[in-house]
Amino acid sequence: MYLTFIFIRITYCFFLIPCCSLMIMCLQPHLRNVIEYMLQVNNDPNEEASLEACEFWSVFREAPLPPDILRPFLPCLILVLLSNMAYADDDESLLDAEVNSFPALLTWLMPTMMSHYQQD
């Protein structure tokens, strides 16, 4: 039974991603649900399902959508993306560069996050 649910999640993500890239305007009224679903699947213990859901964010980034759509999801999305990052052993220099740029990222991100929490 569990394998059936995994297969359904993987298949759903697999077919939803091309729909997002080709027909994003048709999906726009449902994007809140799609984003919530992809965030859940990104945290799936099954690596294949989680990896398939990660593809969604690449496609979403390329879509001609206003960036404000992601604003309510930013705190959760940032945690999901950071927790799913993986590095090879030889990526230490890349990791050092990212750690050094983290204060700049926070400076850029904090006003967005603060305004989000103040609106709630």
PDB file of N, CA and C in Angstrom:
ATOM      1  N   MET A   1       0.827  -1.196   0.000  1.00  0.00           N
ATOM      2  CA  MET A   1       0.000   0.000   0.000  1.00  0.00           C
ATOM      3  C   MET A   1       0.868   1.255   0.000  1.00  0.00           C
ATOM      4  N   TYR A   2       1.899   1.283   0.875  1.00  0.00           N
ATOM      5  CA  TYR A   2       2.780   2.449   0.963  1.00  0.00           C
ATOM      6  C   TYR A   2       3.486   2.695  -0.364  1.00  0.00           C
ATOM      7  N   LEU A   3       3.939   1.613  -1.036  1.00  0.00           N
ATOM      8  CA  LEU A   3       4.609   1.772  -2.320  1.00  0.00           C
ATOM      9  C   LEU A   3       3.679   2.350  -3.369  1.00  0.00           C
ATOM     10  N   THR A   4       2.402   2.030  -3.278  1.00  0.00           N
ATOM     11  CA  THR A   4       1.425   2.595  -4.210  1.00  0.00           C
ATOM     12  C   THR A   4       1.337   4.106  -4.027  1.00  0.00           C
ATOM     13  N   PHE A   5       1.308   4.570  -2.778  1.00  0.00           N
ATOM     14  CA  PHE A   5       1.240   6.008  -2.521  1.00  0.00           C
ATOM     15  C   PHE A   5       2.502   6.715  -3.006  1.00  0.00           C
ATOM     16  N   ILE A   6       3.647   6.085  -2.819  1.00  0.00           N
ATOM     17  CA  ILE A   6       4.889   6.673  -3.310  1.00  0.00           C
ATOM     18  C   ILE A   6       4.839   6.794  -4.828  1.00  0.00           C
ATOM     19  N   PHE A   7       4.416   5.739  -5.479  1.00  0.00           N
ATOM     20  CA  PHE A   7       4.317   5.753  -6.941  1.00  0.00           C
ATOM     21  C   PHE A   7       3.374   6.862  -7.402  1.00  0.00           C
ATOM     22  N   ILE A   8       2.262   7.049  -6.717  1.00  0.00           N
ATOM     23  CA  ILE A   8       1.300   8.099  -7.082  1.00  0.00           C
ATOM     24  C   ILE A   8       1.939   9.470  -6.910  1.00  0.00           C
ATOM     25  N   ARG A   9       2.636   9.694  -5.796  1.00  0.00           N
ATOM     26  CA  ARG A   9       3.288  10.992  -5.573  1.00  0.00           C
ATOM     27  C   ARG A   9       4.335  11.273  -6.646  1.00  0.00           C
ATOM     28  N   ILE A  10       5.141  10.279  -6.953  1.00  0.00           N
ATOM     29  CA  ILE A  10       6.185  10.456  -7.967  1.00  0.00           C
ATOM     30  C   ILE A  10       5.556  10.750  -9.323  1.00  0.00           C
ATOM     31  N   THR A  11       4.546   9.995  -9.684  1.00  0.00           N
ATOM     32  CA  THR A  11       3.879  10.174 -10.982  1.00  0.00           C
ATOM     33  C   THR A  11       3.189  11.528 -11.050  1.00  0.00           C
ATOM     34  N   TYR A  12       2.538  11.934  -9.976  1.00  0.00           N
ATOM     35  CA  TYR A  12       1.856  13.229  -9.938  1.00  0.00           C
ATOM     36  C   TYR A  12       2.863  14.365 -10.141  1.00  0.00           C
ATOM     37  N   CYS A  13       3.977  14.306  -9.437  1.00  0.00           N
ATOM     38  CA  CYS A  13       5.013  15.335  -9.603  1.00  0.00           C
ATOM     39  C   CYS A  13       5.572  15.312 -11.023  1.00  0.00           C
ATOM     40  N   PHE A  14       5.814  14.105 -11.525  1.00  0.00           N
ATOM     41  CA  PHE A  14       6.388  13.948 -12.856  1.00  0.00           C
ATOM     42  C   PHE A  14       5.516  14.605 -13.925  1.00  0.00           C
ATOM     43  N   PHE A  15       4.208  14.482 -13.805  1.00  0.00           N
ATOM     44  CA  PHE A  15       3.307  15.069 -14.803  1.00  0.00           C
ATOM     45  C   PHE A  15       2.927  16.504 -14.489  1.00  0.00           C
ATOM     46  N   LEU A  16       2.995  16.907 -13.248  1.00  0.00           N
ATOM     47  CA  LEU A  16       2.651  18.271 -12.886  1.00  0.00           C
ATOM     48  C   LEU A  16       3.734  19.262 -13.309  1.00  0.00           C
ATOM     49  N   ILE A  17       4.972  18.837 -13.279  1.00  0.00           N
ATOM     50  CA  ILE A  17       6.078  19.736 -13.624  1.00  0.00           C
ATOM     51  C   ILE A  17       5.992  20.219 -15.072  1.00  0.00           C
ATOM     52  N   PRO A  18       5.791  19.337 -16.063  1.00  0.00           N
ATOM     53  CA  PRO A  18       5.620  19.860 -17.435  1.00  0.00           C
ATOM     54  C   PRO A  18       4.387  20.751 -17.571  1.00  0.00           C
ATOM     55  N   CYS A  19       3.333  20.443 -16.839  1.00  0.00           N
ATOM     56  CA  CYS A  19       2.141  21.300 -16.877  1.00  0.00           C
ATOM     57  C   CYS A  19       2.477  22.698 -16.379  1.00  0.00           C
ATOM     58  N   CYS A  20       3.302  22.777 -15.359  1.00  0.00           N
ATOM     59  CA  CYS A  20       3.700  24.077 -14.822  1.00  0.00           C
ATOM     60  C   CYS A  20       4.530  24.852 -15.832  1.00  0.00           C
ATOM     61  N   SER A  21       5.377  24.157 -16.559  1.00  0.00           N
ATOM     62  CA  SER A  21       6.214  24.872 -17.520  1.00  0.00           C
ATOM     63  C   SER A  21       5.442  25.256 -18.781  1.00  0.00           C
ATOM     64  N   LEU A  22       4.461  24.468 -19.158  1.00  0.00           N
ATOM     65  CA  LEU A  22       3.739  24.742 -20.400  1.00  0.00           C
ATOM     66  C   LEU A  22       2.434  25.502 -20.210  1.00  0.00           C
ATOM     67  N   MET A  23       1.768  25.284 -19.091  1.00  0.00           N
ATOM     68  CA  MET A  23       0.441  25.878 -18.881  1.00  0.00           C
ATOM     69  C   MET A  23       0.323  26.534 -17.514  1.00  0.00           C
ATOM     70  N   ILE A  24       1.329  27.303 -17.118  1.00  0.00           N
ATOM     71  CA  ILE A  24       1.348  27.858 -15.779  1.00  0.00           C
ATOM     72  C   ILE A  24       0.165  28.792 -15.534  1.00  0.00           C
ATOM     73  N   MET A  25      -0.270  29.503 -16.544  1.00  0.00           N
ATOM     74  CA  MET A  25      -1.395  30.431 -16.360  1.00  0.00           C
ATOM     75  C   MET A  25      -2.698  29.677 -16.076  1.00  0.00           C
ATOM     76  N   CYS A  26      -2.833  28.488 -16.635  1.00  0.00           N
ATOM     77  CA  CYS A  26      -4.021  27.678 -16.343  1.00  0.00           C
ATOM     78  C   CYS A  26      -3.995  27.172 -14.903  1.00  0.00           C
ATOM     79  N   LEU A  27      -2.797  26.940 -14.400  1.00  0.00           N
ATOM     80  CA  LEU A  27      -2.658  26.441 -13.037  1.00  0.00           C
ATOM     81  C   LEU A  27      -2.632  27.557 -11.991  1.00  0.00           C
ATOM     82  N   GLN A  28      -2.515  28.794 -12.422  1.00  0.00           N
ATOM     83  CA  GLN A  28      -2.337  29.891 -11.479  1.00  0.00           C
ATOM     84  C   GLN A  28      -3.402  29.939 -10.381  1.00  0.00           C
ATOM     85  N   PRO A  29      -4.683  29.695 -10.672  1.00  0.00           N
ATOM     86  CA  PRO A  29      -5.665  29.704  -9.579  1.00  0.00           C
ATOM     87  C   PRO A  29      -5.436  28.600  -8.543  1.00  0.00           C
ATOM     88  N   HIS A  30      -4.694  27.577  -8.923  1.00  0.00           N
ATOM     89  CA  HIS A  30      -4.469  26.432  -8.038  1.00  0.00           C
ATOM     90  C   HIS A  30      -3.038  26.379  -7.502  1.00  0.00           C
ATOM     91  N   LEU A  31      -2.253  27.394  -7.780  1.00  0.00           N
ATOM     92  CA  LEU A  31      -0.839  27.358  -7.423  1.00  0.00           C
ATOM     93  C   LEU A  31      -0.606  27.237  -5.918  1.00  0.00           C
ATOM     94  N   ARG A  32      -1.457  27.823  -5.128  1.00  0.00           N
ATOM     95  CA  ARG A  32      -1.284  27.715  -3.672  1.00  0.00           C
ATOM     96  C   ARG A  32      -1.295  26.240  -3.255  1.00  0.00           C
ATOM     97  N   ASN A  33      -2.252  25.483  -3.773  1.00  0.00           N
ATOM     98  CA  ASN A  33      -2.329  24.057  -3.445  1.00  0.00           C
ATOM     99  C   ASN A  33      -1.146  23.280  -4.026  1.00  0.00           C
ATOM    100  N   VAL A  34      -0.737  23.640  -5.231  1.00  0.00           N
ATOM    101  CA  VAL A  34       0.392  22.958  -5.866  1.00  0.00           C
ATOM    102  C   VAL A  34       1.665  23.209  -5.057  1.00  0.00           C
ATOM    103  N   ILE A  35       1.886  24.453  -4.642  1.00  0.00           N
ATOM    104  CA  ILE A  35       3.074  24.794  -3.863  1.00  0.00           C
ATOM    105  C   ILE A  35       3.067  24.044  -2.531  1.00  0.00           C
ATOM    106  N   GLU A  36       1.930  24.028  -1.860  1.00  0.00           N
ATOM    107  CA  GLU A  36       1.833  23.311  -0.584  1.00  0.00           C
ATOM    108  C   GLU A  36       2.128  21.821  -0.770  1.00  0.00           C
ATOM    109  N   TYR A  37       1.594  21.262  -1.846  1.00  0.00           N
ATOM    110  CA  TYR A  37       1.834  19.843  -2.121  1.00  0.00           C
ATOM    111  C   TYR A  37       3.316  19.582  -2.382  1.00  0.00           C
ATOM    112  N   MET A  38       3.939  20.421  -3.197  1.00  0.00           N
ATOM    113  CA  MET A  38       5.353  20.228  -3.521  1.00  0.00           C
ATOM    114  C   MET A  38       6.227  20.380  -2.280  1.00  0.00           C
ATOM    115  N   LEU A  39       5.866  21.282  -1.393  1.00  0.00           N
ATOM    116  CA  LEU A  39       6.620  21.413  -0.145  1.00  0.00           C
ATOM    117  C   LEU A  39       6.516  20.141   0.690  1.00  0.00           C
ATOM    118  N   GLN A  40       5.339  19.540   0.702  1.00  0.00           N
ATOM    119  CA  GLN A  40       5.162  18.281   1.443  1.00  0.00           C
ATOM    120  C   GLN A  40       5.978  17.153   0.812  1.00  0.00           C
ATOM    121  N   VAL A  41       5.918  17.044  -0.500  1.00  0.00           N
ATOM    122  CA  VAL A  41       6.639  15.962  -1.180  1.00  0.00           C
ATOM    123  C   VAL A  41       8.151  16.177  -1.090  1.00  0.00           C
ATOM    124  N   ASN A  42       8.592  17.434  -1.045  1.00  0.00           N
ATOM    125  CA  ASN A  42      10.020  17.699  -0.861  1.00  0.00           C
ATOM    126  C   ASN A  42      10.538  17.088   0.437  1.00  0.00           C
ATOM    127  N   ASN A  43       9.677  16.949   1.426  1.00  0.00           N
ATOM    128  CA  ASN A  43      10.060  16.366   2.709  1.00  0.00           C
ATOM    129  C   ASN A  43       9.751  14.876   2.788  1.00  0.00           C
ATOM    130  N   ASP A  44       9.368  14.284   1.683  1.00  0.00           N
ATOM    131  CA  ASP A  44       9.026  12.863   1.667  1.00  0.00           C
ATOM    132  C   ASP A  44      10.252  12.026   2.010  1.00  0.00           C
ATOM    133  N   PRO A  45      10.089  10.989   2.836  1.00  0.00           N
ATOM    134  CA  PRO A  45      11.238  10.132   3.148  1.00  0.00           C
ATOM    135  C   PRO A  45      11.745   9.353   1.938  1.00  0.00           C
ATOM    136  N   ASN A  46      10.896   9.189   0.925  1.00  0.00           N
ATOM    137  CA  ASN A  46      11.335   8.506  -0.291  1.00  0.00           C
ATOM    138  C   ASN A  46      12.158   9.485  -1.127  1.00  0.00           C
ATOM    139  N   GLU A  47      13.410   9.149  -1.363  1.00  0.00           N
ATOM    140  CA  GLU A  47      14.329  10.048  -2.050  1.00  0.00           C
ATOM    141  C   GLU A  47      13.884  10.355  -3.478  1.00  0.00           C
ATOM    142  N   GLU A  48      13.328   9.375  -4.161  1.00  0.00           N
ATOM    143  CA  GLU A  48      12.892   9.585  -5.546  1.00  0.00           C
ATOM    144  C   GLU A  48      11.743  10.589  -5.614  1.00  0.00           C
ATOM    145  N   ALA A  49      10.793  10.483  -4.692  1.00  0.00           N
ATOM    146  CA  ALA A  49       9.671  11.427  -4.659  1.00  0.00           C
ATOM    147  C   ALA A  49      10.162  12.828  -4.326  1.00  0.00           C
ATOM    148  N   SER A  50      11.036  12.923  -3.344  1.00  0.00           N
ATOM    149  CA  SER A  50      11.578  14.213  -2.940  1.00  0.00           C
ATOM    150  C   SER A  50      12.370  14.864  -4.072  1.00  0.00           C
ATOM    151  N   LEU A  51      13.161  14.074  -4.762  1.00  0.00           N
ATOM    152  CA  LEU A  51      13.945  14.582  -5.880  1.00  0.00           C
ATOM    153  C   LEU A  51      13.051  15.062  -7.021  1.00  0.00           C
ATOM    154  N   GLU A  52      11.997  14.337  -7.285  1.00  0.00           N
ATOM    155  CA  GLU A  52      11.051  14.736  -8.336  1.00  0.00           C
ATOM    156  C   GLU A  52      10.396  16.074  -7.981  1.00  0.00           C
ATOM    157  N   ALA A  53      10.057  16.254  -6.720  1.00  0.00           N
ATOM    158  CA  ALA A  53       9.438  17.510  -6.294  1.00  0.00           C
ATOM    159  C   ALA A  53      10.420  18.675  -6.366  1.00  0.00           C
ATOM    160  N   CYS A  54      11.701  18.405  -6.195  1.00  0.00           N
ATOM    161  CA  CYS A  54      12.708  19.468  -6.301  1.00  0.00           C
ATOM    162  C   CYS A  54      12.739  20.079  -7.698  1.00  0.00           C
ATOM    163  N   GLU A  55      12.446  19.283  -8.709  1.00  0.00           N
ATOM    164  CA  GLU A  55      12.408  19.786 -10.080  1.00  0.00           C
ATOM    165  C   GLU A  55      11.387  20.913 -10.233  1.00  0.00           C
ATOM    166  N   PHE A  56      10.324  20.850  -9.454  1.00  0.00           N
ATOM    167  CA  PHE A  56       9.260  21.853  -9.542  1.00  0.00           C
ATOM    168  C   PHE A  56       9.810  23.263  -9.332  1.00  0.00           C
ATOM    169  N   TRP A  57      10.734  23.429  -8.384  1.00  0.00           N
ATOM    170  CA  TRP A  57      11.225  24.769  -8.058  1.00  0.00           C
ATOM    171  C   TRP A  57      12.034  25.352  -9.197  1.00  0.00           C
ATOM    172  N   SER A  58      12.734  24.520  -9.949  1.00  0.00           N
ATOM    173  CA  SER A  58      13.450  25.015 -11.132  1.00  0.00           C
ATOM    174  C   SER A  58      12.477  25.501 -12.192  1.00  0.00           C
ATOM    175  N   VAL A  59      11.436  24.729 -12.411  1.00  0.00           N
ATOM    176  CA  VAL A  59      10.422  25.107 -13.402  1.00  0.00           C
ATOM    177  C   VAL A  59       9.670  26.352 -12.929  1.00  0.00           C
ATOM    178  N   PHE A  60       9.340  26.395 -11.659  1.00  0.00           N
ATOM    179  CA  PHE A  60       8.608  27.535 -11.101  1.00  0.00           C
ATOM    180  C   PHE A  60       9.410  28.820 -11.243  1.00  0.00           C
ATOM    181  N   ARG A  61      10.721  28.728 -11.030  1.00  0.00           N
ATOM    182  CA  ARG A  61      11.587  29.906 -11.125  1.00  0.00           C
ATOM    183  C   ARG A  61      11.567  30.501 -12.529  1.00  0.00           C
ATOM    184  N   GLU A  62      11.432  29.670 -13.541  1.00  0.00           N
ATOM    185  CA  GLU A  62      11.426  30.129 -14.927  1.00  0.00           C
ATOM    186  C   GLU A  62      10.054  30.627 -15.385  1.00  0.00           C
ATOM    187  N   ALA A  63       9.026  30.377 -14.618  1.00  0.00           N
ATOM    188  CA  ALA A  63       7.661  30.722 -15.034  1.00  0.00           C
ATOM    189  C   ALA A  63       7.448  32.236 -14.979  1.00  0.00           C
ATOM    190  N   PRO A  64       6.645  32.746 -15.897  1.00  0.00           N
ATOM    191  CA  PRO A  64       6.362  34.195 -15.914  1.00  0.00           C
ATOM    192  C   PRO A  64       5.288  34.563 -14.879  1.00  0.00           C
ATOM    193  N   LEU A  65       5.640  34.466 -13.623  1.00  0.00           N
ATOM    194  CA  LEU A  65       4.711  34.737 -12.530  1.00  0.00           C
ATOM    195  C   LEU A  65       5.258  35.843 -11.652  1.00  0.00           C
ATOM    196  N   PRO A  66       4.366  36.581 -11.007  1.00  0.00           N
ATOM    197  CA  PRO A  66       4.862  37.590 -10.066  1.00  0.00           C
ATOM    198  C   PRO A  66       5.522  36.906  -8.863  1.00  0.00           C
ATOM    199  N   PRO A  67       6.639  37.433  -8.406  1.00  0.00           N
ATOM    200  CA  PRO A  67       7.351  36.779  -7.304  1.00  0.00           C
ATOM    201  C   PRO A  67       6.578  36.780  -5.988  1.00  0.00           C
ATOM    202  N   ASP A  68       5.579  37.619  -5.856  1.00  0.00           N
ATOM    203  CA  ASP A  68       4.807  37.685  -4.613  1.00  0.00           C
ATOM    204  C   ASP A  68       4.037  36.398  -4.326  1.00  0.00           C
ATOM    205  N   ILE A  69       3.858  35.567  -5.331  1.00  0.00           N
ATOM    206  CA  ILE A  69       3.127  34.312  -5.128  1.00  0.00           C
ATOM    207  C   ILE A  69       3.818  33.451  -4.069  1.00  0.00           C
ATOM    208  N   LEU A  70       5.140  33.513  -4.026  1.00  0.00           N
ATOM    209  CA  LEU A  70       5.889  32.685  -3.077  1.00  0.00           C
ATOM    210  C   LEU A  70       6.010  33.299  -1.684  1.00  0.00           C
ATOM    211  N   ARG A  71       5.696  34.558  -1.547  1.00  0.00           N
ATOM    212  CA  ARG A  71       5.914  35.248  -0.268  1.00  0.00           C
ATOM    213  C   ARG A  71       5.337  34.503   0.939  1.00  0.00           C
ATOM    214  N   PRO A  72       4.094  34.026   0.911  1.00  0.00           N
ATOM    215  CA  PRO A  72       3.569  33.326   2.095  1.00  0.00           C
ATOM    216  C   PRO A  72       4.297  32.013   2.407  1.00  0.00           C
ATOM    217  N   PHE A  73       4.987  31.474   1.419  1.00  0.00           N
ATOM    218  CA  PHE A  73       5.643  30.175   1.590  1.00  0.00           C
ATOM    219  C   PHE A  73       7.139  30.287   1.866  1.00  0.00           C
ATOM    220  N   LEU A  74       7.682  31.500   1.832  1.00  0.00           N
ATOM    221  CA  LEU A  74       9.132  31.661   1.952  1.00  0.00           C
ATOM    222  C   LEU A  74       9.742  31.022   3.193  1.00  0.00           C
ATOM    223  N   PRO A  75       9.195  31.222   4.380  1.00  0.00           N
ATOM    224  CA  PRO A  75       9.843  30.596   5.545  1.00  0.00           C
ATOM    225  C   PRO A  75       9.938  29.075   5.420  1.00  0.00           C
ATOM    226  N   CYS A  76       8.880  28.448   4.990  1.00  0.00           N
ATOM    227  CA  CYS A  76       8.878  26.990   4.834  1.00  0.00           C
ATOM    228  C   CYS A  76       9.747  26.569   3.650  1.00  0.00           C
ATOM    229  N   LEU A  77       9.650  27.291   2.554  1.00  0.00           N
ATOM    230  CA  LEU A  77      10.418  26.953   1.354  1.00  0.00           C
ATOM    231  C   LEU A  77      11.916  27.041   1.611  1.00  0.00           C
ATOM    232  N   ILE A  78      12.349  28.072   2.311  1.00  0.00           N
ATOM    233  CA  ILE A  78      13.771  28.221   2.601  1.00  0.00           C
ATOM    234  C   ILE A  78      14.261  27.044   3.437  1.00  0.00           C
ATOM    235  N   LEU A  79      13.488  26.662   4.437  1.00  0.00           N
ATOM    236  CA  LEU A  79      13.892  25.519   5.269  1.00  0.00           C
ATOM    237  C   LEU A  79      13.965  24.233   4.455  1.00  0.00           C
ATOM    238  N   VAL A  80      12.985  24.021   3.588  1.00  0.00           N
ATOM    239  CA  VAL A  80      12.968  22.803   2.771  1.00  0.00           C
ATOM    240  C   VAL A  80      14.163  22.774   1.828  1.00  0.00           C
ATOM    241  N   LEU A  81      14.403  23.883   1.154  1.00  0.00           N
ATOM    242  CA  LEU A  81      15.502  23.899   0.192  1.00  0.00           C
ATOM    243  C   LEU A  81      16.858  23.763   0.874  1.00  0.00           C
ATOM    244  N   LEU A  82      17.032  24.436   1.998  1.00  0.00           N
ATOM    245  CA  LEU A  82      18.307  24.323   2.700  1.00  0.00           C
ATOM    246  C   LEU A  82      18.518  22.931   3.287  1.00  0.00           C
ATOM    247  N   SER A  83      17.463  22.314   3.775  1.00  0.00           N
ATOM    248  CA  SER A  83      17.615  20.983   4.370  1.00  0.00           C
ATOM    249  C   SER A  83      17.842  19.908   3.314  1.00  0.00           C
ATOM    250  N   ASN A  84      17.435  20.162   2.078  1.00  0.00           N
ATOM    251  CA  ASN A  84      17.608  19.163   1.018  1.00  0.00           C
ATOM    252  C   ASN A  84      18.864  19.387   0.182  1.00  0.00           C
ATOM    253  N   MET A  85      19.656  20.390   0.547  1.00  0.00           N
ATOM    254  CA  MET A  85      20.885  20.634  -0.206  1.00  0.00           C
ATOM    255  C   MET A  85      21.887  19.515   0.081  1.00  0.00           C
ATOM    256  N   ALA A  86      22.594  19.114  -0.944  1.00  0.00           N
ATOM    257  CA  ALA A  86      23.607  18.069  -0.793  1.00  0.00           C
ATOM    258  C   ALA A  86      24.883  18.530  -1.477  1.00  0.00           C
ATOM    259  N   TYR A  87      25.990  18.212  -0.851  1.00  0.00           N
ATOM    260  CA  TYR A  87      27.293  18.593  -1.397  1.00  0.00           C
ATOM    261  C   TYR A  87      28.153  17.354  -1.576  1.00  0.00           C
ATOM    262  N   ALA A  88      28.957  17.397  -2.602  1.00  0.00           N
ATOM    263  CA  ALA A  88      29.972  16.360  -2.785  1.00  0.00           C
ATOM    264  C   ALA A  88      31.152  16.700  -1.881  1.00  0.00           C
ATOM    265  N   ASP A  89      32.017  15.739  -1.661  1.00  0.00           N
ATOM    266  CA  ASP A  89      33.168  15.952  -0.788  1.00  0.00           C
ATOM    267  C   ASP A  89      34.067  17.087  -1.273  1.00  0.00           C
ATOM    268  N   ASP A  90      34.131  17.294  -2.577  1.00  0.00           N
ATOM    269  CA  ASP A  90      35.019  18.324  -3.114  1.00  0.00           C
ATOM    270  C   ASP A  90      34.349  19.696  -3.232  1.00  0.00           C
ATOM    271  N   ASP A  91      33.202  19.867  -2.640  1.00  0.00           N
ATOM    272  CA  ASP A  91      32.479  21.132  -2.700  1.00  0.00           C
ATOM    273  C   ASP A  91      32.746  22.047  -1.505  1.00  0.00           C
ATOM    274  N   GLU A  92      33.840  21.800  -0.776  1.00  0.00           N
ATOM    275  CA  GLU A  92      34.109  22.604   0.413  1.00  0.00           C
ATOM    276  C   GLU A  92      34.306  24.083   0.073  1.00  0.00           C
ATOM    277  N   SER A  93      34.950  24.370  -1.040  1.00  0.00           N
ATOM    278  CA  SER A  93      35.167  25.769  -1.408  1.00  0.00           C
ATOM    279  C   SER A  93      33.840  26.454  -1.729  1.00  0.00           C
ATOM    280  N   LEU A  94      32.939  25.728  -2.375  1.00  0.00           N
ATOM    281  CA  LEU A  94      31.613  26.268  -2.657  1.00  0.00           C
ATOM    282  C   LEU A  94      30.847  26.519  -1.362  1.00  0.00           C
ATOM    283  N   LEU A  95      30.944  25.578  -0.446  1.00  0.00           N
ATOM    284  CA  LEU A  95      30.288  25.724   0.841  1.00  0.00           C
ATOM    285  C   LEU A  95      30.840  26.921   1.605  1.00  0.00           C
ATOM    286  N   ASP A  96      32.153  27.101   1.596  1.00  0.00           N
ATOM    287  CA  ASP A  96      32.762  28.258   2.261  1.00  0.00           C
ATOM    288  C   ASP A  96      32.255  29.565   1.654  1.00  0.00           C
ATOM    289  N   ALA A  97      32.154  29.615   0.342  1.00  0.00           N
ATOM    290  CA  ALA A  97      31.656  30.825  -0.317  1.00  0.00           C
ATOM    291  C   ALA A  97      30.206  31.108   0.072  1.00  0.00           C
ATOM    292  N   GLU A  98      29.390  30.057   0.155  1.00  0.00           N
ATOM    293  CA  GLU A  98      27.998  30.243   0.536  1.00  0.00           C
ATOM    294  C   GLU A  98      27.870  30.695   1.989  1.00  0.00           C
ATOM    295  N   VAL A  99      28.688  30.141   2.853  1.00  0.00           N
ATOM    296  CA  VAL A  99      28.656  30.540   4.266  1.00  0.00           C
ATOM    297  C   VAL A  99      29.069  31.998   4.393  1.00  0.00           C
ATOM    298  N   ASN A 100      30.061  32.412   3.629  1.00  0.00           N
ATOM    299  CA  ASN A 100      30.514  33.805   3.674  1.00  0.00           C
ATOM    300  C   ASN A 100      29.475  34.765   3.123  1.00  0.00           C
ATOM    301  N   SER A 101      28.622  34.307   2.213  1.00  0.00           N
ATOM    302  CA  SER A 101      27.593  35.184   1.647  1.00  0.00           C
ATOM    303  C   SER A 101      26.290  35.145   2.447  1.00  0.00           C
ATOM    304  N   PHE A 102      26.222  34.303   3.473  1.00  0.00           N
ATOM    305  CA  PHE A 102      24.990  34.173   4.255  1.00  0.00           C
ATOM    306  C   PHE A 102      24.546  35.480   4.908  1.00  0.00           C
ATOM    307  N   PRO A 103      25.452  36.292   5.514  1.00  0.00           N
ATOM    308  CA  PRO A 103      24.990  37.572   6.082  1.00  0.00           C
ATOM    309  C   PRO A 103      24.340  38.477   5.036  1.00  0.00           C
ATOM    310  N   ALA A 104      24.878  38.503   3.825  1.00  0.00           N
ATOM    311  CA  ALA A 104      24.278  39.313   2.767  1.00  0.00           C
ATOM    312  C   ALA A 104      22.896  38.798   2.409  1.00  0.00           C
ATOM    313  N   LEU A 105      22.735  37.476   2.383  1.00  0.00           N
ATOM    314  CA  LEU A 105      21.425  36.881   2.099  1.00  0.00           C
ATOM    315  C   LEU A 105      20.423  37.267   3.175  1.00  0.00           C
ATOM    316  N   LEU A 106      20.844  37.198   4.418  1.00  0.00           N
ATOM    317  CA  LEU A 106      19.944  37.581   5.514  1.00  0.00           C
ATOM    318  C   LEU A 106      19.554  39.043   5.429  1.00  0.00           C
ATOM    319  N   THR A 107      20.497  39.910   5.099  1.00  0.00           N
ATOM    320  CA  THR A 107      20.211  41.334   4.966  1.00  0.00           C
ATOM    321  C   THR A 107      19.160  41.558   3.882  1.00  0.00           C
ATOM    322  N   TRP A 108      19.256  40.803   2.796  1.00  0.00           N
ATOM    323  CA  TRP A 108      18.310  40.936   1.705  1.00  0.00           C
ATOM    324  C   TRP A 108      16.959  40.320   2.054  1.00  0.00           C
ATOM    325  N   LEU A 109      16.977  39.217   2.791  1.00  0.00           N
ATOM    326  CA  LEU A 109      15.773  38.443   3.049  1.00  0.00           C
ATOM    327  C   LEU A 109      14.962  38.943   4.241  1.00  0.00           C
ATOM    328  N   MET A 110      15.608  39.504   5.237  1.00  0.00           N
ATOM    329  CA  MET A 110      14.922  39.885   6.476  1.00  0.00           C
ATOM    330  C   MET A 110      13.750  40.850   6.251  1.00  0.00           C
ATOM    331  N   PRO A 111      13.876  41.906   5.442  1.00  0.00           N
ATOM    332  CA  PRO A 111      12.711  42.783   5.245  1.00  0.00           C
ATOM    333  C   PRO A 111      11.506  42.047   4.666  1.00  0.00           C
ATOM    334  N   THR A 112      11.759  41.117   3.764  1.00  0.00           N
ATOM    335  CA  THR A 112      10.660  40.342   3.182  1.00  0.00           C
ATOM    336  C   THR A 112       9.999  39.470   4.231  1.00  0.00           C
ATOM    337  N   MET A 113      10.806  38.793   5.031  1.00  0.00           N
ATOM    338  CA  MET A 113      10.245  37.917   6.057  1.00  0.00           C
ATOM    339  C   MET A 113       9.533  38.718   7.143  1.00  0.00           C
ATOM    340  N   MET A 114      10.103  39.848   7.529  1.00  0.00           N
ATOM    341  CA  MET A 114       9.485  40.667   8.574  1.00  0.00           C
ATOM    342  C   MET A 114       8.139  41.218   8.107  1.00  0.00           C
ATOM    343  N   SER A 115       8.082  41.683   6.851  1.00  0.00           N
ATOM    344  CA  SER A 115       6.810  42.208   6.356  1.00  0.00           C
ATOM    345  C   SER A 115       5.766  41.101   6.272  1.00  0.00           C
ATOM    346  N   HIS A 116       6.190  39.880   5.960  1.00  0.00           N
ATOM    347  CA  HIS A 116       5.266  38.741   5.899  1.00  0.00           C
ATOM    348  C   HIS A 116       4.666  38.484   7.283  1.00  0.00           C
ATOM    349  N   TYR A 117       5.508  38.459   8.299  1.00  0.00           N
ATOM    350  CA  TYR A 117       5.017  38.167   9.649  1.00  0.00           C
ATOM    351  C   TYR A 117       4.214  39.313  10.231  1.00  0.00           C
ATOM    352  N   GLN A 118       4.500  40.534   9.827  1.00  0.00           N
ATOM    353  CA  GLN A 118       3.746  41.677  10.314  1.00  0.00           C
ATOM    354  C   GLN A 118       2.352  41.727   9.707  1.00  0.00           C
ATOM    355  N   GLN A 119       2.177  41.144   8.504  1.00  0.00           N
ATOM    356  CA  GLN A 119       0.861  41.131   7.856  1.00  0.00           C
ATOM    357  C   GLN A 119      -0.077  40.134   8.498  1.00  0.00           C
ATOM    358  N   ASP A 120       0.467  39.088   9.112  1.00  0.00           N
ATOM    359  CA  ASP A 120      -0.372  38.030   9.701  1.00  0.00           C
ATOM    360  C   ASP A 120      -1.084  38.478  10.920  1.00  0.00           C
TER     361      ASP A 120
END
